[in-house]
Amino acid sequence: MADSETSEEKGKSGGGILPIINLVLLVLVLAVGGFIAWKLMSMETPPEAPTTKVEQTDQTTIPEAEDETDVPTVYMVLDNITVNLADTDQSRFLRTKIKLEVRNEEAQAKVNAKIVKVRDLVIRYLMSKKFSEIRTPQGQYKLKEELVWRMNQTVGGKPIIDLFLDDFVSQ
């Protein structure tokens, strides 16, 4: 009879650790869930657009540069460009093919007159970039915007509207 009492006591003492483990896991899950909820709630929401309509007068209206809705844009293709990137830890390269959207044929002639300077500018700018800067879509968008701005500065005026990457391979 004494043997049966000792065996029952051993069975009861081993079950005490499982509820403690469950309690610790429950507290951990609740803490992680609370942290995630706090992070989501603290994220900044973009400001809402004003719902009131603003009347435009001669003083508040921004004059249009030129009404060029009738004139179709012209596309120019720069030859394939292959450059080594500025990474020092590894040898990386970038191969790209660029199309330029210019305002009209007159703007195309203006860009063609300085095409050597434009290609040199593109090559030098791409060589200054690191792989980490151009591998993301945001980095590629920034690259495009910066190249358009720099090319317009080189050519003079704003003949180049946009730049399109037909081929963009980096390794």
C-alpha atoms as a PDB file:
ATOM      1  CA  MET A   1       0.000   0.000   0.000  1.00  0.00           C
ATOM      2  CA  ALA A   2       2.885   2.317   0.707  1.00  0.00           C
ATOM      3  CA  ASP A   3       4.215   1.622  -2.786  1.00  0.00           C
ATOM      4  CA  SER A   4       0.994   2.801  -4.410  1.00  0.00           C
ATOM      5  CA  GLU A   5       1.057   6.120  -2.482  1.00  0.00           C
ATOM      6  CA  THR A   6       4.626   6.905  -3.554  1.00  0.00           C
ATOM      7  CA  SER A   7       3.875   6.172  -7.193  1.00  0.00           C
ATOM      8  CA  GLU A   8       0.899   8.582  -7.137  1.00  0.00           C
ATOM      9  CA  GLU A   9       3.046  11.339  -5.612  1.00  0.00           C
ATOM     10  CA  LYS A  10       5.659  10.917  -8.364  1.00  0.00           C
ATOM     11  CA  GLY A  11       3.002  11.299 -11.085  1.00  0.00           C
ATOM     12  CA  LYS A  12       1.641  14.527  -9.607  1.00  0.00           C
ATOM     13  CA  SER A  13       5.033  16.226  -9.185  1.00  0.00           C
ATOM     14  CA  GLY A  14       6.045  15.741 -12.884  1.00  0.00           C
ATOM     15  CA  GLY A  15       2.942  17.552 -14.208  1.00  0.00           C
ATOM     16  CA  GLY A  16       3.762  20.845 -12.492  1.00  0.00           C
ATOM     17  CA  ILE A  17       6.303  22.031 -15.102  1.00  0.00           C
ATOM     18  CA  LEU A  18       3.968  21.863 -18.139  1.00  0.00           C
ATOM     19  CA  PRO A  19       1.578  24.600 -16.916  1.00  0.00           C
ATOM     20  CA  ILE A  20       4.563  26.850 -16.173  1.00  0.00           C
ATOM     21  CA  ILE A  21       5.902  26.410 -19.718  1.00  0.00           C
ATOM     22  CA  ASN A  22       2.438  27.128 -21.128  1.00  0.00           C
ATOM     23  CA  LEU A  23       2.163  30.276 -19.002  1.00  0.00           C
ATOM     24  CA  VAL A  24       5.578  31.539 -20.140  1.00  0.00           C
ATOM     25  CA  LEU A  25       4.690  30.911 -23.799  1.00  0.00           C
ATOM     26  CA  LEU A  26       1.331  32.675 -23.377  1.00  0.00           C
ATOM     27  CA  VAL A  27       3.012  35.736 -21.843  1.00  0.00           C
ATOM     28  CA  LEU A  28       5.599  35.742 -24.639  1.00  0.00           C
ATOM     29  CA  VAL A  29       2.936  35.548 -27.388  1.00  0.00           C
ATOM     30  CA  LEU A  30       0.938  38.343 -25.766  1.00  0.00           C
ATOM     31  CA  ALA A  31       4.053  40.519 -25.464  1.00  0.00           C
ATOM     32  CA  VAL A  32       4.968  40.036 -29.131  1.00  0.00           C
ATOM     33  CA  GLY A  33       1.377  40.685 -30.205  1.00  0.00           C
ATOM     34  CA  GLY A  34       1.238  43.837 -28.111  1.00  0.00           C
ATOM     35  CA  PHE A  35       4.520  45.082 -29.577  1.00  0.00           C
ATOM     36  CA  ILE A  36       3.293  44.528 -33.141  1.00  0.00           C
ATOM     37  CA  ALA A  37       0.005  46.274 -32.393  1.00  0.00           C
ATOM     38  CA  TRP A  38       1.891  49.210 -30.839  1.00  0.00           C
ATOM     39  CA  LYS A  39       4.177  49.519 -33.905  1.00  0.00           C
ATOM     40  CA  LEU A  40       1.227  49.447 -36.291  1.00  0.00           C
ATOM     41  CA  MET A  41      -0.654  52.055 -34.309  1.00  0.00           C
ATOM     42  CA  SER A  42       2.353  54.369 -34.042  1.00  0.00           C
ATOM     43  CA  MET A  43       3.056  54.381 -37.786  1.00  0.00           C
ATOM     44  CA  GLU A  44       2.466  57.782 -39.295  1.00  0.00           C
ATOM     45  CA  THR A  45      -0.494  58.016 -41.623  1.00  0.00           C
ATOM     46  CA  PRO A  46      -0.114  60.249 -44.653  1.00  0.00           C
ATOM     47  CA  PRO A  47      -1.898  63.556 -44.298  1.00  0.00           C
ATOM     48  CA  GLU A  48      -5.286  63.642 -45.932  1.00  0.00           C
ATOM     49  CA  ALA A  49      -5.837  65.922 -48.877  1.00  0.00           C
ATOM     50  CA  PRO A  50      -7.917  68.981 -48.081  1.00  0.00           C
ATOM     51  CA  THR A  51     -11.523  68.524 -49.058  1.00  0.00           C
ATOM     52  CA  THR A  52     -12.215  72.205 -49.597  1.00  0.00           C
ATOM     53  CA  LYS A  53     -11.996  73.413 -53.150  1.00  0.00           C
ATOM     54  CA  VAL A  54      -9.655  76.325 -53.762  1.00  0.00           C
ATOM     55  CA  GLU A  55     -10.746  78.820 -56.372  1.00  0.00           C
ATOM     56  CA  GLN A  56      -8.062  79.814 -58.808  1.00  0.00           C
ATOM     57  CA  THR A  57      -7.578  83.415 -59.771  1.00  0.00           C
ATOM     58  CA  ASP A  58      -5.019  85.099 -61.943  1.00  0.00           C
ATOM     59  CA  GLN A  59      -2.774  85.429 -58.907  1.00  0.00           C
ATOM     60  CA  THR A  60      -3.019  81.780 -57.817  1.00  0.00           C
ATOM     61  CA  THR A  61      -2.978  80.109 -61.218  1.00  0.00           C
ATOM     62  CA  ILE A  62       0.377  78.675 -62.234  1.00  0.00           C
ATOM     63  CA  PRO A  63       1.070  79.539 -65.849  1.00  0.00           C
ATOM     64  CA  GLU A  64       1.771  76.589 -68.105  1.00  0.00           C
ATOM     65  CA  ALA A  65       5.207  76.558 -69.684  1.00  0.00           C
ATOM     66  CA  GLU A  66       3.978  75.639 -73.136  1.00  0.00           C
ATOM     67  CA  ASP A  67       0.884  73.935 -74.413  1.00  0.00           C
ATOM     68  CA  GLU A  68       2.444  70.947 -76.134  1.00  0.00           C
ATOM     69  CA  THR A  69      -0.495  68.570 -76.162  1.00  0.00           C
ATOM     70  CA  ASP A  70      -0.563  68.675 -79.969  1.00  0.00           C
ATOM     71  CA  VAL A  71       3.142  67.909 -80.390  1.00  0.00           C
ATOM     72  CA  PRO A  72       4.040  64.215 -79.974  1.00  0.00           C
ATOM     73  CA  THR A  73       7.117  63.388 -77.956  1.00  0.00           C
ATOM     74  CA  VAL A  74      10.134  61.799 -79.559  1.00  0.00           C
ATOM     75  CA  TYR A  75      12.106  58.833 -78.201  1.00  0.00           C
ATOM     76  CA  MET A  76      15.869  58.528 -78.502  1.00  0.00           C
ATOM     77  CA  VAL A  77      17.859  55.374 -77.795  1.00  0.00           C
ATOM     78  CA  LEU A  78      21.271  55.538 -76.176  1.00  0.00           C
ATOM     79  CA  ASP A  79      23.477  52.596 -77.049  1.00  0.00           C
ATOM     80  CA  ASN A  80      24.107  49.860 -74.492  1.00  0.00           C
ATOM     81  CA  ILE A  81      26.152  51.135 -71.590  1.00  0.00           C
ATOM     82  CA  THR A  82      28.263  48.809 -69.448  1.00  0.00           C
ATOM     83  CA  VAL A  83      30.133  50.184 -66.439  1.00  0.00           C
ATOM     84  CA  ASN A  84      31.889  48.928 -63.342  1.00  0.00           C
ATOM     85  CA  LEU A  85      30.124  50.019 -60.176  1.00  0.00           C
ATOM     86  CA  ALA A  86      31.861  51.830 -57.305  1.00  0.00           C
ATOM     87  CA  ASP A  87      31.734  48.852 -54.911  1.00  0.00           C
ATOM     88  CA  THR A  88      35.113  48.205 -53.308  1.00  0.00           C
ATOM     89  CA  ASP A  89      34.345  44.883 -51.634  1.00  0.00           C
ATOM     90  CA  GLN A  90      33.460  43.091 -54.880  1.00  0.00           C
ATOM     91  CA  SER A  91      33.809  43.690 -58.573  1.00  0.00           C
ATOM     92  CA  ARG A  92      30.303  44.535 -59.772  1.00  0.00           C
ATOM     93  CA  PHE A  93      29.042  45.850 -63.076  1.00  0.00           C
ATOM     94  CA  LEU A  94      25.913  47.365 -64.563  1.00  0.00           C
ATOM     95  CA  ARG A  95      24.658  46.949 -68.113  1.00  0.00           C
ATOM     96  CA  THR A  96      21.813  49.174 -69.216  1.00  0.00           C
ATOM     97  CA  LYS A  97      20.040  50.431 -72.292  1.00  0.00           C
ATOM     98  CA  ILE A  98      18.408  53.830 -71.954  1.00  0.00           C
ATOM     99  CA  LYS A  99      15.610  55.484 -73.920  1.00  0.00           C
ATOM    100  CA  LEU A 100      15.078  59.208 -73.584  1.00  0.00           C
ATOM    101  CA  GLU A 101      11.727  60.895 -74.064  1.00  0.00           C
ATOM    102  CA  VAL A 102      12.314  64.376 -75.474  1.00  0.00           C
ATOM    103  CA  ARG A 103       9.733  67.126 -76.020  1.00  0.00           C
ATOM    104  CA  ASN A 104       9.864  67.372 -79.813  1.00  0.00           C
ATOM    105  CA  GLU A 105      12.142  67.077 -82.831  1.00  0.00           C
ATOM    106  CA  GLU A 106      13.797  70.398 -82.040  1.00  0.00           C
ATOM    107  CA  ALA A 107      14.673  69.101 -78.575  1.00  0.00           C
ATOM    108  CA  GLN A 108      15.943  65.888 -80.159  1.00  0.00           C
ATOM    109  CA  ALA A 109      18.304  67.889 -82.360  1.00  0.00           C
ATOM    110  CA  LYS A 110      19.484  69.804 -79.279  1.00  0.00           C
ATOM    111  CA  VAL A 111      20.241  66.540 -77.434  1.00  0.00           C
ATOM    112  CA  ASN A 112      21.889  64.984 -80.511  1.00  0.00           C
ATOM    113  CA  ALA A 113      24.217  67.981 -80.738  1.00  0.00           C
ATOM    114  CA  LYS A 114      25.537  67.126 -77.276  1.00  0.00           C
ATOM    115  CA  ILE A 115      25.086  63.333 -77.309  1.00  0.00           C
ATOM    116  CA  VAL A 116      28.780  62.727 -76.557  1.00  0.00           C
ATOM    117  CA  LYS A 117      28.549  64.835 -73.388  1.00  0.00           C
ATOM    118  CA  VAL A 118      25.276  63.125 -72.433  1.00  0.00           C
ATOM    119  CA  ARG A 119      26.754  59.618 -72.792  1.00  0.00           C
ATOM    120  CA  ASP A 120      29.857  60.656 -70.850  1.00  0.00           C
ATOM    121  CA  LEU A 121      27.662  62.090 -68.100  1.00  0.00           C
ATOM    122  CA  VAL A 122      25.594  58.888 -67.897  1.00  0.00           C
ATOM    123  CA  ILE A 123      28.687  56.664 -67.780  1.00  0.00           C
ATOM    124  CA  ARG A 124      30.432  58.749 -65.118  1.00  0.00           C
ATOM    125  CA  TYR A 125      27.287  58.982 -62.989  1.00  0.00           C
ATOM    126  CA  LEU A 126      26.618  55.237 -63.174  1.00  0.00           C
ATOM    127  CA  MET A 127      30.239  54.474 -62.305  1.00  0.00           C
ATOM    128  CA  SER A 128      29.871  56.499 -59.110  1.00  0.00           C
ATOM    129  CA  LYS A 129      26.963  54.364 -57.860  1.00  0.00           C
ATOM    130  CA  LYS A 130      27.194  51.321 -55.611  1.00  0.00           C
ATOM    131  CA  PHE A 131      25.185  48.151 -56.108  1.00  0.00           C
ATOM    132  CA  SER A 132      23.255  48.752 -52.877  1.00  0.00           C
ATOM    133  CA  GLU A 133      22.092  52.145 -54.188  1.00  0.00           C
ATOM    134  CA  ILE A 134      20.630  50.877 -57.464  1.00  0.00           C
ATOM    135  CA  ARG A 135      19.307  47.427 -56.642  1.00  0.00           C
ATOM    136  CA  THR A 136      15.981  48.591 -55.161  1.00  0.00           C
ATOM    137  CA  PRO A 137      13.107  50.134 -57.133  1.00  0.00           C
ATOM    138  CA  GLN A 138      13.454  53.306 -55.060  1.00  0.00           C
ATOM    139  CA  GLY A 139      17.127  53.496 -55.928  1.00  0.00           C
ATOM    140  CA  GLN A 140      16.399  53.032 -59.622  1.00  0.00           C
ATOM    141  CA  TYR A 141      13.728  55.754 -59.514  1.00  0.00           C
ATOM    142  CA  LYS A 142      16.164  58.134 -57.822  1.00  0.00           C
ATOM    143  CA  LEU A 143      18.784  57.208 -60.433  1.00  0.00           C
ATOM    144  CA  LYS A 144      16.373  58.026 -63.257  1.00  0.00           C
ATOM    145  CA  GLU A 145      15.336  61.357 -61.736  1.00  0.00           C
ATOM    146  CA  GLU A 146      18.931  62.388 -61.104  1.00  0.00           C
ATOM    147  CA  LEU A 147      20.027  61.424 -64.621  1.00  0.00           C
ATOM    148  CA  VAL A 148      17.192  63.384 -66.256  1.00  0.00           C
ATOM    149  CA  TRP A 149      18.057  66.455 -64.176  1.00  0.00           C
ATOM    150  CA  ARG A 150      21.782  66.194 -64.937  1.00  0.00           C
ATOM    151  CA  MET A 151      21.216  65.608 -68.668  1.00  0.00           C
ATOM    152  CA  ASN A 152      18.917  68.645 -68.871  1.00  0.00           C
ATOM    153  CA  GLN A 153      21.619  70.700 -67.132  1.00  0.00           C
ATOM    154  CA  THR A 154      24.193  69.491 -69.662  1.00  0.00           C
ATOM    155  CA  VAL A 155      22.037  70.092 -72.722  1.00  0.00           C
ATOM    156  CA  GLY A 156      20.488  73.332 -71.456  1.00  0.00           C
ATOM    157  CA  GLY A 157      16.814  73.908 -70.788  1.00  0.00           C
ATOM    158  CA  LYS A 158      14.473  70.985 -70.258  1.00  0.00           C
ATOM    159  CA  PRO A 159      14.359  69.068 -73.524  1.00  0.00           C
ATOM    160  CA  ILE A 160      14.344  65.658 -71.813  1.00  0.00           C
ATOM    161  CA  ILE A 161      11.006  64.727 -70.230  1.00  0.00           C
ATOM    162  CA  ASP A 162      11.754  61.246 -68.954  1.00  0.00           C
ATOM    163  CA  LEU A 163      14.192  58.385 -69.090  1.00  0.00           C
ATOM    164  CA  PHE A 164      13.289  54.724 -69.508  1.00  0.00           C
ATOM    165  CA  LEU A 165      15.479  51.747 -68.660  1.00  0.00           C
ATOM    166  CA  ASP A 166      14.953  49.166 -71.429  1.00  0.00           C
ATOM    167  CA  ASP A 167      17.613  46.866 -70.042  1.00  0.00           C
ATOM    168  CA  PHE A 168      19.005  46.979 -66.518  1.00  0.00           C
ATOM    169  CA  VAL A 169      21.283  44.144 -65.440  1.00  0.00           C
ATOM    170  CA  SER A 170      23.588  44.462 -62.460  1.00  0.00           C
ATOM    171  CA  GLN A 171      25.735  41.794 -60.915  1.00  0.00           C
END
